[in-house]
Amino acid sequence: KNGCAYDAQGRKMTEKKLGAMRRSIGMIFQHFNLLDRSTVFENIAYPLQYTGMKKEEISARVFELLDLVDLREKANVYPSQLSGGQQQRRMRRKRFSTFCVT
């Protein structure tokens, strides 16, 4: 409708609400898009740096996510040192790291 965004009830969305909605939408692609020069920890922490979280909160969140996929012991390794399955699990954690951020 006229280039504006509307919610499910047909109400025009504010820029703030639209931004919040966009941040909650995610996709996982077959290509992992890992930063080769960054460790597993840094890859997961990267999107959290833009949410306004403090470093301590980011660290806690990264380890929480690594624990979910049993990769805590791989926090300081580089993507090239991971198996394909480990890379896929790590990419899911990177994508979901910004969900449920308060």
Protein backbone atom coordinates (compact mmCIF):
# COMPACT_ATOMS: atom_id res chain seq x y z
CA LYS A 1 0.00 0.00 0.00
CA ASN A 2 1.71 3.17 -1.24
CA GLY A 3 5.21 1.93 -0.34
CA CYS A 4 4.45 1.87 3.39
CA ALA A 5 4.79 -1.10 5.73
CA TYR A 6 1.72 -2.41 7.52
CA ASP A 7 1.35 -4.92 10.34
CA ALA A 8 -0.92 -7.99 10.30
CA GLN A 9 -3.86 -5.88 11.48
CA GLY A 10 -3.44 -3.40 8.61
CA ARG A 11 -1.95 -0.60 10.71
CA LYS A 12 0.89 1.47 9.30
CA MET A 13 4.16 0.61 11.07
CA THR A 14 6.51 3.20 12.50
CA GLU A 15 10.16 3.15 11.44
CA LYS A 16 11.09 1.93 14.93
CA LYS A 17 8.67 -1.02 14.80
CA LEU A 18 9.66 -1.83 11.24
CA GLY A 19 13.34 -1.88 12.24
CA ALA A 20 12.60 -4.18 15.17
CA MET A 21 10.63 -6.52 12.92
CA ARG A 22 13.43 -6.63 10.33
CA ARG A 23 15.98 -7.53 13.02
CA SER A 24 13.81 -10.47 14.07
CA ILE A 25 13.69 -11.99 10.58
CA GLY A 26 16.45 -14.38 9.67
CA MET A 27 17.51 -16.76 6.94
CA ILE A 28 20.11 -19.47 6.86
CA PHE A 29 21.83 -20.03 3.53
CA GLN A 30 23.73 -23.10 2.42
CA HIS A 31 26.94 -21.04 2.15
CA PHE A 32 28.07 -20.30 5.67
CA ASN A 33 29.48 -16.77 5.17
CA LEU A 34 31.98 -17.20 7.98
CA LEU A 35 34.70 -14.63 8.44
CA ASP A 36 37.83 -16.70 7.77
CA ARG A 37 40.14 -14.41 9.75
CA SER A 38 37.90 -14.46 12.82
CA THR A 39 37.55 -17.22 15.40
CA VAL A 40 34.29 -19.05 16.01
CA PHE A 41 33.72 -16.80 19.05
CA GLU A 42 34.33 -13.63 17.00
CA ASN A 43 32.03 -14.81 14.19
CA ILE A 44 29.16 -15.29 16.62
CA ALA A 45 29.89 -12.10 18.55
CA TYR A 46 30.07 -9.92 15.42
CA PRO A 47 26.31 -9.25 14.97
CA LEU A 48 25.85 -8.74 18.71
CA GLN A 49 28.26 -5.80 18.67
CA TYR A 50 25.62 -3.79 16.83
CA THR A 51 22.80 -4.45 19.29
CA GLY A 52 24.12 -2.22 22.06
CA MET A 53 25.05 -5.14 24.32
CA LYS A 54 28.01 -4.76 26.66
CA LYS A 55 31.12 -6.90 26.06
CA GLU A 56 30.37 -9.04 29.12
CA GLU A 57 26.83 -9.69 27.88
CA ILE A 58 28.11 -10.56 24.41
CA SER A 59 30.60 -13.03 25.84
CA ALA A 60 27.96 -14.70 27.99
CA ARG A 61 25.55 -14.91 25.04
CA VAL A 62 28.21 -16.38 22.72
CA PHE A 63 29.11 -19.11 25.21
CA GLU A 64 25.41 -19.82 25.81
CA LEU A 65 24.94 -20.34 22.07
CA LEU A 66 28.10 -22.44 21.74
CA ASP A 67 26.87 -24.67 24.55
CA LEU A 68 23.60 -25.22 22.67
CA VAL A 69 25.49 -26.85 19.80
CA ASP A 70 28.30 -28.45 21.83
CA LEU A 71 31.01 -26.24 20.33
CA ARG A 72 32.27 -24.39 23.42
CA GLU A 73 35.68 -26.05 23.05
CA LYS A 74 35.92 -24.63 19.49
CA ALA A 75 35.46 -20.98 20.53
CA ASN A 76 39.06 -20.03 19.72
CA VAL A 77 39.52 -21.95 16.48
CA TYR A 78 39.09 -20.62 12.94
CA PRO A 79 36.39 -21.75 10.50
CA SER A 80 38.90 -23.64 8.35
CA GLN A 81 39.62 -25.87 11.36
CA LEU A 82 35.98 -26.96 11.69
CA SER A 83 34.28 -29.85 9.92
CA GLY A 84 31.42 -29.04 7.55
CA GLY A 85 28.84 -30.02 10.18
CA GLN A 86 30.54 -27.89 12.82
CA GLN A 87 30.60 -24.92 10.43
CA GLN A 88 26.87 -25.33 9.79
CA ARG A 89 26.08 -25.49 13.53
CA ARG A 90 28.28 -22.45 14.17
CA MET A 91 26.55 -20.49 11.39
CA ARG A 92 23.16 -21.23 12.93
CA ARG A 93 24.40 -19.83 16.24
CA LYS A 94 25.68 -16.71 14.47
CA ARG A 95 22.30 -16.17 12.81
CA PHE A 96 20.29 -16.82 15.96
CA SER A 97 22.62 -14.82 18.21
CA THR A 98 20.58 -11.67 17.74
CA PHE A 99 17.22 -13.32 18.48
CA CYS A 100 15.81 -12.74 21.94
CA VAL A 101 18.28 -9.95 22.68
CA THR A 102 16.84 -7.61 25.28
